C-alpha atoms as a PDB file:
ATOM      1  CA  MET A   1       0.000   0.000   0.000  1.00  0.00           C
ATOM      2  CA  VAL A   2       2.878   2.348   0.845  1.00  0.00           C
ATOM      3  CA  TRP A   3       4.571   1.403  -2.455  1.00  0.00           C
ATOM      4  CA  ALA A   4       1.392   2.146  -4.406  1.00  0.00           C
ATOM      5  CA  ALA A   5       1.057   5.544  -2.807  1.00  0.00           C
ATOM      6  CA  GLU A   6       4.690   6.329  -3.564  1.00  0.00           C
ATOM      7  CA  GLN A   7       4.229   5.355  -7.233  1.00  0.00           C
ATOM      8  CA  GLY A   8       1.120   7.480  -7.451  1.00  0.00           C
ATOM      9  CA  PHE A   9       2.985  10.503  -6.137  1.00  0.00           C
ATOM     10  CA  GLN A  10       5.752  10.039  -8.706  1.00  0.00           C
ATOM     11  CA  ARG A  11       3.638   9.339 -11.797  1.00  0.00           C
ATOM     12  CA  LEU A  12       0.276  11.058 -11.290  1.00  0.00           C
ATOM     13  CA  PRO A  13       0.252  14.750 -10.411  1.00  0.00           C
ATOM     14  CA  ALA A  14      -3.523  14.658 -10.104  1.00  0.00           C
ATOM     15  CA  PHE A  15      -3.242  11.902  -7.506  1.00  0.00           C
ATOM     16  CA  ARG A  16      -0.665  13.952  -5.624  1.00  0.00           C
ATOM     17  CA  ASN A  17      -2.909  17.027  -5.634  1.00  0.00           C
ATOM     18  CA  ALA A  18      -5.883  14.985  -4.473  1.00  0.00           C
ATOM     19  CA  VAL A  19      -3.928  13.608  -1.526  1.00  0.00           C
ATOM     20  CA  PHE A  20      -2.757  17.069  -0.508  1.00  0.00           C
ATOM     21  CA  ALA A  21      -6.312  18.363  -0.767  1.00  0.00           C
ATOM     22  CA  GLY A  22      -7.539  15.453   1.331  1.00  0.00           C
ATOM     23  CA  LEU A  23      -4.905  16.072   3.980  1.00  0.00           C
ATOM     24  CA  LEU A  24      -5.775  19.767   4.016  1.00  0.00           C
ATOM     25  CA  VAL A  25      -9.454  19.013   4.552  1.00  0.00           C
ATOM     26  CA  LEU A  26      -8.537  16.545   7.294  1.00  0.00           C
ATOM     27  CA  ALA A  27      -6.263  19.091   8.973  1.00  0.00           C
ATOM     28  CA  ILE A  28      -8.954  21.760   8.848  1.00  0.00           C
ATOM     29  CA  GLY A  29     -11.438  19.302  10.311  1.00  0.00           C
ATOM     30  CA  TYR A  30      -9.127  18.486  13.198  1.00  0.00           C
ATOM     31  CA  ALA A  31      -8.382  22.161  13.744  1.00  0.00           C
ATOM     32  CA  VAL A  32     -12.077  23.003  13.984  1.00  0.00           C
ATOM     33  CA  ARG A  33     -12.648  20.070  16.303  1.00  0.00           C
ATOM     34  CA  THR A  34      -9.695  21.111  18.476  1.00  0.00           C
ATOM     35  CA  TYR A  35     -10.919  24.694  18.578  1.00  0.00           C
ATOM     36  CA  ALA A  36     -14.366  23.575  19.668  1.00  0.00           C
ATOM     37  CA  ARG A  37     -12.828  21.267  22.282  1.00  0.00           C
ATOM     38  CA  ASN A  38     -10.717  24.131  23.637  1.00  0.00           C
ATOM     39  CA  GLY A  39     -13.956  25.763  24.704  1.00  0.00           C
ATOM     40  CA  ASP A  40     -14.701  22.686  26.789  1.00  0.00           C
ATOM     41  CA  TRP A  41     -11.347  22.962  28.535  1.00  0.00           C
ATOM     42  CA  LEU A  42     -11.944  26.618  29.379  1.00  0.00           C
ATOM     43  CA  ASP A  43     -15.340  25.905  30.973  1.00  0.00           C
ATOM     44  CA  GLN A  44     -15.229  23.213  33.670  1.00  0.00           C
ATOM     45  CA  ARG A  45     -18.930  22.416  33.509  1.00  0.00           C
ATOM     46  CA  ARG A  46     -18.926  22.318  29.708  1.00  0.00           C
ATOM     47  CA  PHE A  47     -15.893  20.040  29.836  1.00  0.00           C
ATOM     48  CA  TRP A  48     -17.606  17.489  32.085  1.00  0.00           C
ATOM     49  CA  LEU A  49     -20.902  17.652  30.186  1.00  0.00           C
ATOM     50  CA  SER A  50     -18.906  16.880  27.070  1.00  0.00           C
ATOM     51  CA  GLY A  51     -17.316  14.012  29.016  1.00  0.00           C
ATOM     52  CA  VAL A  52     -20.745  12.622  29.908  1.00  0.00           C
ATOM     53  CA  ASP A  53     -21.726  12.700  26.236  1.00  0.00           C
ATOM     54  CA  ALA A  54     -18.542  10.816  25.358  1.00  0.00           C
ATOM     55  CA  ALA A  55     -18.713   8.355  28.284  1.00  0.00           C
ATOM     56  CA  PRO A  56     -22.293   8.203  29.635  1.00  0.00           C
ATOM     57  CA  ASP A  57     -21.550   5.075  31.687  1.00  0.00           C
ATOM     58  CA  SER A  58     -18.616   6.612  33.557  1.00  0.00           C
ATOM     59  CA  TYR A  59     -19.329   7.380  37.208  1.00  0.00           C
ATOM     60  CA  LYS A  60     -16.484   9.908  37.208  1.00  0.00           C
ATOM     61  CA  THR A  61     -17.846  12.053  34.399  1.00  0.00           C
ATOM     62  CA  ASN A  62     -21.392  11.891  35.759  1.00  0.00           C
ATOM     63  CA  MET A  63     -20.384  12.889  39.288  1.00  0.00           C
ATOM     64  CA  ALA A  64     -18.099  15.632  37.994  1.00  0.00           C
ATOM     65  CA  ALA A  65     -20.934  16.967  35.832  1.00  0.00           C
ATOM     66  CA  ALA A  66     -23.158  17.040  38.910  1.00  0.00           C
ATOM     67  CA  THR A  67     -20.682  18.750  41.219  1.00  0.00           C
ATOM     68  CA  SER A  68     -19.593  21.337  38.623  1.00  0.00           C
ATOM     69  CA  SER A  69     -23.160  22.396  37.813  1.00  0.00           C
ATOM     70  CA  PRO A  70     -24.297  25.789  39.141  1.00  0.00           C
ATOM     71  CA  LEU A  71     -27.401  25.170  41.240  1.00  0.00           C
ATOM     72  CA  ASN A  72     -29.002  28.435  40.161  1.00  0.00           C
ATOM     73  CA  SER A  73     -32.368  27.170  38.958  1.00  0.00           C
ATOM     74  CA  GLY A  74     -34.806  24.345  39.548  1.00  0.00           C
ATOM     75  CA  GLU A  75     -33.997  22.889  36.150  1.00  0.00           C
ATOM     76  CA  ALA A  76     -30.256  22.954  36.873  1.00  0.00           C
ATOM     77  CA  VAL A  77     -30.821  21.191  40.202  1.00  0.00           C
ATOM     78  CA  VAL A  78     -32.884  18.436  38.565  1.00  0.00           C
ATOM     79  CA  GLN A  79     -30.258  17.891  35.882  1.00  0.00           C
ATOM     80  CA  ALA A  80     -27.379  17.867  38.368  1.00  0.00           C
ATOM     81  CA  GLN A  81     -29.257  15.470  40.620  1.00  0.00           C
ATOM     82  CA  ARG A  82     -29.795  13.159  37.655  1.00  0.00           C
ATOM     83  CA  TYR A  83     -26.043  13.042  37.011  1.00  0.00           C
ATOM     84  CA  ALA A  84     -25.251  12.364  40.675  1.00  0.00           C
ATOM     85  CA  GLU A  85     -27.841   9.603  40.928  1.00  0.00           C
ATOM     86  CA  ARG A  86     -26.528   8.003  37.749  1.00  0.00           C
ATOM     87  CA  ALA A  87     -22.954   8.074  39.050  1.00  0.00           C
ATOM     88  CA  LEU A  88     -23.874   6.357  42.319  1.00  0.00           C
ATOM     89  CA  ALA A  89     -26.174   3.883  40.558  1.00  0.00           C
ATOM     90  CA  ILE A  90     -23.220   2.765  38.426  1.00  0.00           C
ATOM     91  CA  LEU A  91     -21.225   2.056  41.588  1.00  0.00           C
ATOM     92  CA  ASP A  92     -23.962   0.785  43.859  1.00  0.00           C
ATOM     93  CA  GLY A  93     -23.631  -2.916  43.086  1.00  0.00           C
ATOM     94  CA  LEU A  94     -19.859  -3.061  43.448  1.00  0.00           C
ATOM     95  CA  PRO A  95     -18.312  -4.549  46.594  1.00  0.00           C
ATOM     96  CA  ASP A  96     -16.594  -2.081  48.910  1.00  0.00           C
ATOM     97  CA  SER A  97     -13.193  -3.537  48.009  1.00  0.00           C
ATOM     98  CA  ARG A  98     -13.676  -2.412  44.388  1.00  0.00           C
ATOM     99  CA  ASN A  99     -15.703   0.725  44.929  1.00  0.00           C
ATOM    100  CA  SER A 100     -14.900   4.440  44.896  1.00  0.00           C
ATOM    101  CA  SER A 101     -15.099   6.201  48.240  1.00  0.00           C
ATOM    102  CA  ALA A 102     -14.356   9.550  46.579  1.00  0.00           C
ATOM    103  CA  ALA A 103     -17.506   9.356  44.456  1.00  0.00           C
ATOM    104  CA  TYR A 104     -19.710   8.803  47.504  1.00  0.00           C
ATOM    105  CA  ARG A 105     -17.904  11.577  49.373  1.00  0.00           C
ATOM    106  CA  ASP A 106     -18.459  13.958  46.454  1.00  0.00           C
ATOM    107  CA  GLY A 107     -22.071  12.841  46.342  1.00  0.00           C
ATOM    108  CA  GLY A 108     -22.432  13.575  50.048  1.00  0.00           C
ATOM    109  CA  VAL A 109     -21.093  17.104  49.584  1.00  0.00           C
ATOM    110  CA  PHE A 110     -23.364  17.589  46.568  1.00  0.00           C
ATOM    111  CA  TYR A 111     -26.471  16.565  48.505  1.00  0.00           C
ATOM    112  CA  ARG A 112     -25.494  18.788  51.426  1.00  0.00           C
ATOM    113  CA  ASN A 113     -25.228  21.720  49.016  1.00  0.00           C
ATOM    114  CA  LEU A 114     -28.721  20.940  47.746  1.00  0.00           C
ATOM    115  CA  GLY A 115     -29.936  20.921  51.341  1.00  0.00           C
ATOM    116  CA  ASP A 116     -28.273  24.282  51.984  1.00  0.00           C
ATOM    117  CA  ARG A 117     -29.924  25.635  48.861  1.00  0.00           C
ATOM    118  CA  ALA A 118     -33.311  24.498  50.126  1.00  0.00           C
ATOM    119  CA  ALA A 119     -32.569  26.327  53.412  1.00  0.00           C
ATOM    120  CA  SER A 120     -35.522  26.072  55.769  1.00  0.00           C
ATOM    121  CA  LYS A 121     -37.769  24.212  53.334  1.00  0.00           C
ATOM    122  CA  PRO A 122     -38.961  20.746  54.388  1.00  0.00           C
ATOM    123  CA  GLU A 123     -36.936  19.001  51.664  1.00  0.00           C
ATOM    124  CA  ALA A 124     -33.674  20.259  53.199  1.00  0.00           C
ATOM    125  CA  LEU A 125     -33.698  17.471  55.785  1.00  0.00           C
ATOM    126  CA  SER A 126     -34.193  14.907  53.041  1.00  0.00           C
ATOM    127  CA  TRP A 127     -31.119  16.180  51.213  1.00  0.00           C
ATOM    128  CA  TYR A 128     -29.104  16.157  54.426  1.00  0.00           C
ATOM    129  CA  GLY A 129     -30.195  12.577  55.042  1.00  0.00           C
ATOM    130  CA  LYS A 130     -29.008  11.588  51.567  1.00  0.00           C
ATOM    131  CA  SER A 131     -25.743  13.417  52.230  1.00  0.00           C
ATOM    132  CA  LEU A 132     -25.140  11.471  55.428  1.00  0.00           C
ATOM    133  CA  ALA A 133     -26.005   8.139  53.780  1.00  0.00           C
ATOM    134  CA  ALA A 134     -23.545   8.767  50.935  1.00  0.00           C
ATOM    135  CA  LEU A 135     -20.786   9.810  53.333  1.00  0.00           C
ATOM    136  CA  LEU A 136     -21.315   6.754  55.542  1.00  0.00           C
ATOM    137  CA  ARG A 137     -21.018   4.561  52.446  1.00  0.00           C
ATOM    138  CA  SER A 138     -17.806   6.402  51.603  1.00  0.00           C
ATOM    139  CA  GLU A 139     -16.491   5.685  55.105  1.00  0.00           C
ATOM    140  CA  LYS A 140     -17.374   2.000  54.778  1.00  0.00           C
ATOM    141  CA  ILE A 141     -15.370   1.765  51.555  1.00  0.00           C
ATOM    142  CA  GLU A 142     -12.454   3.713  53.039  1.00  0.00           C
ATOM    143  CA  LEU A 143     -12.269   1.362  56.017  1.00  0.00           C
ATOM    144  CA  VAL A 144     -11.960  -1.652  53.707  1.00  0.00           C
ATOM    145  CA  TRP A 145      -9.209   0.003  51.669  1.00  0.00           C
ATOM    146  CA  ASN A 146      -7.449   1.192  54.834  1.00  0.00           C
ATOM    147  CA  GLN A 147      -7.374  -2.315  56.266  1.00  0.00           C
ATOM    148  CA  ARG A 148      -5.618  -3.543  53.151  1.00  0.00           C
ATOM    149  CA  TYR A 149      -3.288  -0.544  53.133  1.00  0.00           C
ATOM    150  CA  GLN A 150      -2.265  -1.112  56.739  1.00  0.00           C
ATOM    151  CA  ALA A 151      -1.686  -4.829  56.225  1.00  0.00           C
ATOM    152  CA  GLU A 152       0.491  -4.242  53.162  1.00  0.00           C
ATOM    153  CA  ASN A 153       2.581  -1.614  54.914  1.00  0.00           C
ATOM    154  CA  ALA A 154       2.941  -3.728  58.047  1.00  0.00           C
ATOM    155  CA  GLU A 155       4.422  -6.480  55.875  1.00  0.00           C
ATOM    156  CA  ARG A 156       6.928  -3.916  54.557  1.00  0.00           C
ATOM    157  CA  GLY A 157       7.946  -3.033  58.104  1.00  0.00           C
ATOM    158  CA  LYS A 158       5.886   0.179  58.250  1.00  0.00           C
ATOM    159  CA  PRO A 159       3.145  -0.414  60.828  1.00  0.00           C
ATOM    160  CA  GLY A 160       0.742   2.268  61.986  1.00  0.00           C
ATOM    161  CA  LEU A 161       0.178   3.987  58.642  1.00  0.00           C
ATOM    162  CA  THR A 162      -3.318   4.950  57.539  1.00  0.00           C
ATOM    163  CA  SER A 163      -4.976   5.979  54.296  1.00  0.00           C
ATOM    164  CA  LEU A 164      -8.176   7.263  55.924  1.00  0.00           C
ATOM    165  CA  PRO A 165      -8.763  10.879  54.832  1.00  0.00           C
ATOM    166  CA  GLY A 166      -9.504  13.436  57.496  1.00  0.00           C
ATOM    167  CA  ARG A 167     -11.588  15.272  54.888  1.00  0.00           C
ATOM    168  CA  LEU A 168     -14.212  12.518  54.975  1.00  0.00           C
ATOM    169  CA  TYR A 169     -14.761  13.008  58.704  1.00  0.00           C
ATOM    170  CA  PHE A 170     -14.928  16.760  58.251  1.00  0.00           C
ATOM    171  CA  GLU A 171     -17.738  16.258  55.741  1.00  0.00           C
ATOM    172  CA  LEU A 172     -19.435  13.767  58.046  1.00  0.00           C
ATOM    173  CA  GLY A 173     -19.247  16.315  60.836  1.00  0.00           C
ATOM    174  CA  LEU A 174     -20.957  18.915  58.668  1.00  0.00           C
ATOM    175  CA  ALA A 175     -23.666  16.450  57.650  1.00  0.00           C
ATOM    176  CA  TYR A 176     -24.418  15.586  61.280  1.00  0.00           C
ATOM    177  CA  LEU A 177     -24.500  19.286  62.174  1.00  0.00           C
ATOM    178  CA  ARG A 178     -27.057  19.930  59.436  1.00  0.00           C
ATOM    179  CA  LEU A 179     -29.168  17.213  61.021  1.00  0.00           C
ATOM    180  CA  ALA A 180     -28.739  18.801  64.475  1.00  0.00           C
ATOM    181  CA  ASP A 181     -26.823  15.753  65.735  1.00  0.00           C
ATOM    182  CA  THR A 182     -24.037  17.520  67.625  1.00  0.00           C
ATOM    183  CA  PRO A 183     -22.659  14.468  69.494  1.00  0.00           C
ATOM    184  CA  HIS A 184     -22.039  12.560  66.254  1.00  0.00           C
ATOM    185  CA  ALA A 185     -20.713  15.711  64.587  1.00  0.00           C
ATOM    186  CA  LEU A 186     -18.211  16.195  67.400  1.00  0.00           C
ATOM    187  CA  ALA A 187     -17.154  12.539  67.298  1.00  0.00           C
ATOM    188  CA  SER A 188     -16.625  12.709  63.518  1.00  0.00           C
ATOM    189  CA  LEU A 189     -14.510  15.852  63.717  1.00  0.00           C
ATOM    190  CA  GLU A 190     -12.444  14.430  66.578  1.00  0.00           C
ATOM    191  CA  ARG A 191     -11.876  11.292  64.488  1.00  0.00           C
ATOM    192  CA  GLY A 192     -10.754  13.435  61.586  1.00  0.00           C
ATOM    193  CA  ARG A 193      -8.347  15.305  63.843  1.00  0.00           C
ATOM    194  CA  THR A 194      -6.534  12.056  64.646  1.00  0.00           C
ATOM    195  CA  LEU A 195      -5.948  11.520  60.920  1.00  0.00           C
ATOM    196  CA  GLU A 196      -5.022  14.938  59.551  1.00  0.00           C
ATOM    197  CA  SER A 197      -4.455  18.336  61.147  1.00  0.00           C
ATOM    198  CA  SER A 198      -6.736  20.177  58.740  1.00  0.00           C
ATOM    199  CA  PRO A 199      -7.121  23.847  59.736  1.00  0.00           C
ATOM    200  CA  GLU A 200     -10.654  23.893  58.342  1.00  0.00           C
ATOM    201  CA  LEU A 201     -11.631  20.879  60.439  1.00  0.00           C
ATOM    202  CA  LEU A 202      -9.880  22.238  63.520  1.00  0.00           C
ATOM    203  CA  GLU A 203     -11.712  25.558  63.284  1.00  0.00           C
ATOM    204  CA  GLN A 204     -15.057  23.767  63.078  1.00  0.00           C
ATOM    205  CA  LEU A 205     -14.063  21.577  66.008  1.00  0.00           C
ATOM    206  CA  ALA A 206     -13.096  24.653  68.019  1.00  0.00           C
ATOM    207  CA  THR A 207     -16.513  26.144  67.336  1.00  0.00           C
ATOM    208  CA  LEU A 208     -18.243  23.055  68.744  1.00  0.00           C
ATOM    209  CA  TYR A 209     -15.977  22.981  71.797  1.00  0.00           C
ATOM    210  CA  ARG A 210     -16.706  26.642  72.390  1.00  0.00           C
ATOM    211  CA  GLU A 211     -20.452  26.119  72.084  1.00  0.00           C
ATOM    212  CA  ALA A 212     -20.135  23.275  74.596  1.00  0.00           C
ATOM    213  CA  GLY A 213     -18.390  25.640  77.016  1.00  0.00           C
ATOM    214  CA  ASP A 214     -14.954  23.986  76.757  1.00  0.00           C
ATOM    215  CA  ALA A 215     -12.715  26.960  76.052  1.00  0.00           C
ATOM    216  CA  ARG A 216      -9.510  25.010  76.731  1.00  0.00           C
ATOM    217  CA  LYS A 217     -10.211  22.405  74.051  1.00  0.00           C
ATOM    218  CA  ALA A 218     -11.336  25.142  71.667  1.00  0.00           C
ATOM    219  CA  ALA A 219      -8.064  26.995  72.193  1.00  0.00           C
ATOM    220  CA  ALA A 220      -5.989  23.834  71.713  1.00  0.00           C
ATOM    221  CA  ALA A 221      -7.740  23.136  68.393  1.00  0.00           C
ATOM    222  CA  LEU A 222      -7.084  26.683  67.146  1.00  0.00           C
ATOM    223  CA  VAL A 223      -3.442  26.538  68.231  1.00  0.00           C
ATOM    224  CA  GLU A 224      -3.077  23.374  66.155  1.00  0.00           C
ATOM    225  CA  ALA A 225      -4.750  25.034  63.168  1.00  0.00           C
ATOM    226  CA  LEU A 226      -2.333  27.946  63.461  1.00  0.00           C
ATOM    227  CA  ALA A 227       0.620  25.556  63.742  1.00  0.00           C
ATOM    228  CA  VAL A 228      -0.331  24.002  60.400  1.00  0.00           C
ATOM    229  CA  ASP A 229      -1.187  27.287  58.687  1.00  0.00           C
ATOM    230  CA  PRO A 230       0.507  30.347  60.260  1.00  0.00           C
ATOM    231  CA  GLN A 231      -1.208  32.540  57.648  1.00  0.00           C
ATOM    232  CA  ARG A 232      -4.508  32.223  59.527  1.00  0.00           C
ATOM    233  CA  VAL A 233      -3.775  35.308  61.600  1.00  0.00           C
ATOM    234  CA  ASN A 234      -7.498  35.817  62.201  1.00  0.00           C
ATOM    235  CA  LEU A 235      -7.251  32.981  64.727  1.00  0.00           C
ATOM    236  CA  ILE A 236      -4.978  34.987  67.013  1.00  0.00           C
ATOM    237  CA  SER A 237      -7.739  37.322  68.173  1.00  0.00           C
ATOM    238  CA  GLN A 238      -9.931  34.301  68.914  1.00  0.00           C
ATOM    239  CA  LEU A 239      -7.118  32.724  70.914  1.00  0.00           C
ATOM    240  CA  VAL A 240      -6.578  35.923  72.901  1.00  0.00           C
ATOM    241  CA  GLU A 241     -10.254  35.913  73.802  1.00  0.00           C
ATOM    242  CA  LEU A 242     -10.269  32.195  74.712  1.00  0.00           C
ATOM    243  CA  TYR A 243      -7.136  32.343  76.865  1.00  0.00           C
ATOM    244  CA  GLY A 244      -8.533  35.446  78.520  1.00  0.00           C
ATOM    245  CA  GLN A 245     -11.442  33.270  79.651  1.00  0.00           C
ATOM    246  CA  ILE A 246      -9.269  30.294  80.589  1.00  0.00           C
ATOM    247  CA  ASP A 247      -6.625  32.274  82.475  1.00  0.00           C
ATOM    248  CA  PRO A 248      -8.185  35.667  83.341  1.00  0.00           C
ATOM    249  CA  ASN A 249      -5.645  36.561  86.019  1.00  0.00           C
ATOM    250  CA  GLY A 250      -2.674  34.648  84.664  1.00  0.00           C
ATOM    251  CA  CYS A 251       0.024  35.172  82.072  1.00  0.00           C
ATOM    252  CA  ALA A 252      -1.668  33.757  78.950  1.00  0.00           C
ATOM    253  CA  VAL A 253      -2.660  37.188  77.668  1.00  0.00           C
ATOM    254  CA  SER A 254      -0.270  40.126  77.704  1.00  0.00           C
ATOM    255  CA  HIS A 255      -1.600  43.674  78.182  1.00  0.00           C
ATOM    256  CA  GLU A 256       1.618  45.547  77.483  1.00  0.00           C
ATOM    257  CA  GLY A 257       1.787  48.650  75.316  1.00  0.00           C
ATOM    258  CA  GLY A 258      -1.881  49.462  75.635  1.00  0.00           C
ATOM    259  CA  GLY A 259      -2.965  46.389  73.668  1.00  0.00           C
ATOM    260  CA  VAL A 260      -3.567  42.709  74.222  1.00  0.00           C
ATOM    261  CA  SER A 261      -1.638  39.828  72.726  1.00  0.00           C
ATOM    262  CA  LEU A 262      -1.006  36.142  73.272  1.00  0.00           C
ATOM    263  CA  ASN A 263       1.952  35.407  75.519  1.00  0.00           C
ATOM    264  CA  GLN A 264       3.642  32.359  73.984  1.00  0.00           C
ATOM    265  CA  ASP A 265       6.099  32.176  76.885  1.00  0.00           C
ATOM    266  CA  CYS A 266       3.316  31.584  79.385  1.00  0.00           C
ATOM    267  CA  PRO A 267       3.522  27.926  80.526  1.00  0.00           C
ATOM    268  CA  LEU A 268      -0.167  27.352  79.751  1.00  0.00           C
ATOM    269  CA  VAL A 269       0.069  28.645  76.173  1.00  0.00           C
ATOM    270  CA  HIS A 270       3.469  27.081  75.603  1.00  0.00           C
ATOM    271  CA  ALA A 271       2.199  23.666  76.690  1.00  0.00           C
ATOM    272  CA  ASP A 272      -0.677  23.918  74.201  1.00  0.00           C
ATOM    273  CA  ILE A 273       1.701  24.939  71.415  1.00  0.00           C
ATOM    274  CA  CYS A 274       3.938  21.926  72.062  1.00  0.00           C
ATOM    275  CA  SER A 275       0.929  19.608  72.328  1.00  0.00           C
ATOM    276  CA  ALA A 276      -0.382  20.906  69.008  1.00  0.00           C
ATOM    277  CA  SER A 277       3.028  20.342  67.418  1.00  0.00           C
ATOM    278  CA  ARG A 278       3.043  16.763  68.702  1.00  0.00           C
ATOM    279  CA  ASN A 279      -0.389  16.122  67.161  1.00  0.00           C
ATOM    280  CA  VAL A 280       0.690  17.519  63.803  1.00  0.00           C
ATOM    281  CA  ILE A 281       3.886  15.426  63.836  1.00  0.00           C
ATOM    282  CA  GLY A 282       1.916  12.288  64.688  1.00  0.00           C
ATOM    283  CA  ASN A 283      -0.547  12.864  61.854  1.00  0.00           C
ATOM    284  CA  TYR A 284       2.236  13.344  59.334  1.00  0.00           C
ATOM    285  CA  LEU A 285       3.899  10.125  60.502  1.00  0.00           C
ATOM    286  CA  ARG A 286       0.635   8.187  60.271  1.00  0.00           C
ATOM    287  CA  ARG A 287       0.336   9.306  56.664  1.00  0.00           C
ATOM    288  CA  GLY A 288       3.871   8.277  55.781  1.00  0.00           C
ATOM    289  CA  GLN A 289       5.223  11.828  55.564  1.00  0.00           C
ATOM    290  CA  PRO A 290       8.395  11.773  57.696  1.00  0.00           C
ATOM    291  CA  PHE A 291       9.948  14.805  55.982  1.00  0.00           C
ATOM    292  CA  GLU A 292       7.009  17.021  56.957  1.00  0.00           C
ATOM    293  CA  ALA A 293       7.026  15.543  60.477  1.00  0.00           C
ATOM    294  CA  ASP A 294      10.734  16.308  60.857  1.00  0.00           C
ATOM    295  CA  SER A 295      10.183  19.888  59.673  1.00  0.00           C
ATOM    296  CA  ILE A 296       7.506  20.513  62.306  1.00  0.00           C
ATOM    297  CA  ARG A 297       9.661  18.843  64.967  1.00  0.00           C
ATOM    298  CA  ALA A 298      12.642  21.062  64.123  1.00  0.00           C
ATOM    299  CA  ILE A 299      10.523  24.222  64.342  1.00  0.00           C
ATOM    300  CA  ALA A 300       8.944  23.096  67.610  1.00  0.00           C
ATOM    301  CA  VAL A 301      12.309  22.380  69.234  1.00  0.00           C
ATOM    302  CA  LYS A 302      14.471  25.184  67.850  1.00  0.00           C
ATOM    303  CA  ASP A 303      11.995  28.036  67.467  1.00  0.00           C
ATOM    304  CA  LEU A 304       9.277  27.243  70.007  1.00  0.00           C
ATOM    305  CA  GLY A 305      11.389  25.712  72.747  1.00  0.00           C
ATOM    306  CA  CYS A 306       9.470  22.440  73.021  1.00  0.00           C
ATOM    307  CA  ALA A 307      11.269  19.513  74.600  1.00  0.00           C
ATOM    308  CA  ALA A 308      12.161  16.866  72.024  1.00  0.00           C
ATOM    309  CA  ASP A 309      10.927  14.065  74.278  1.00  0.00           C
ATOM    310  CA  ALA A 310       7.529  15.746  74.590  1.00  0.00           C
ATOM    311  CA  LEU A 311       7.031  15.564  70.827  1.00  0.00           C
ATOM    312  CA  LYS A 312       7.158  11.768  70.628  1.00  0.00           C
END
C-alpha cells in the first residue's frame, strides 16, 4: 500500500494534488474540532458535560458533571441530581473492596449543598439525610481500603500507617450538624483530627468545643490550626479571647503597650503549642510523611522551645 502511494505521487500529479487536498481538509477538520474542544477545557462544567456525552456510563464524568453544575435554577438542580444519581447507581452494586469512596464523598457534599440551597424548606432534611447516607457509604469503603493498606505496609515493616482521609470526617461532621446531631458531629470531627491536622476541620471543632463551654479544648484546636497554617492570623484574636477566659488573672494574655496579645512564653500557652506540634507530627507520621514531620519537629524544638521528648 505504501509502495502504491509512492508510485502514485511520482507518476500522477492529479493523484498527488488529491492527496494534498484530502490532507488539508482533514487538517482543517481536526483544527475546527480542536478549537471547539478548547472551549470545553476553558469551561469546567462544559468540559464534564462533554465528558458525559462521550462516556455516559462513567461514574467519574457523571459525578463531575453534577458537582460542577451551578445550582441556580430548579432545572439545573434536577439535571445535576440526575447526574449524581446516575454516578452512584453505576457504583452501587460493586463490593466495597472495588468501589470508589471519593464518588460517595463527592455525592455527600453535593447533597449537602442541595440541602443548603433548600434552606428552611422541608426538603432540606431529606437532602441532608441523603448526604449522610452517601458519606457513611464512603467511610465503609475507606475502612476496607485502609485495612488492606495497613496490612500491606505492616508487611513492609511500616506499621501504623493509615490511608483514611480526614476530609471525609470533616464532611461527616458537617452532615451531622445539618441534622442537628451535635454528638455525632463532634465525634466525627475528633476522628478526623486524629488523621489529619486540617485547619478547616480544627476551626469547626473549636466552634463546637466553644459552644459546649470547653474553652480550653477550643483553644488547643485553634493553636493546632495555626501551627499548620501560620497565615490564619485571624485565629490569634480568637485565641486571645479564649485564653482570657481560661486564664483571666494569669500570664496567657499580655496587656503591654496598651494592647492585648497572646503570651507564647506563658507555661499554659506554651504547653498547648507543644501539644499541638506533637499532634501535627503524629498525623504526618501516620500518613507516611516523615519529611514534613521532621520539619515541624525542628521548628517546635528550635523556634518554640518544646522539649524533644515531649514531641514523641
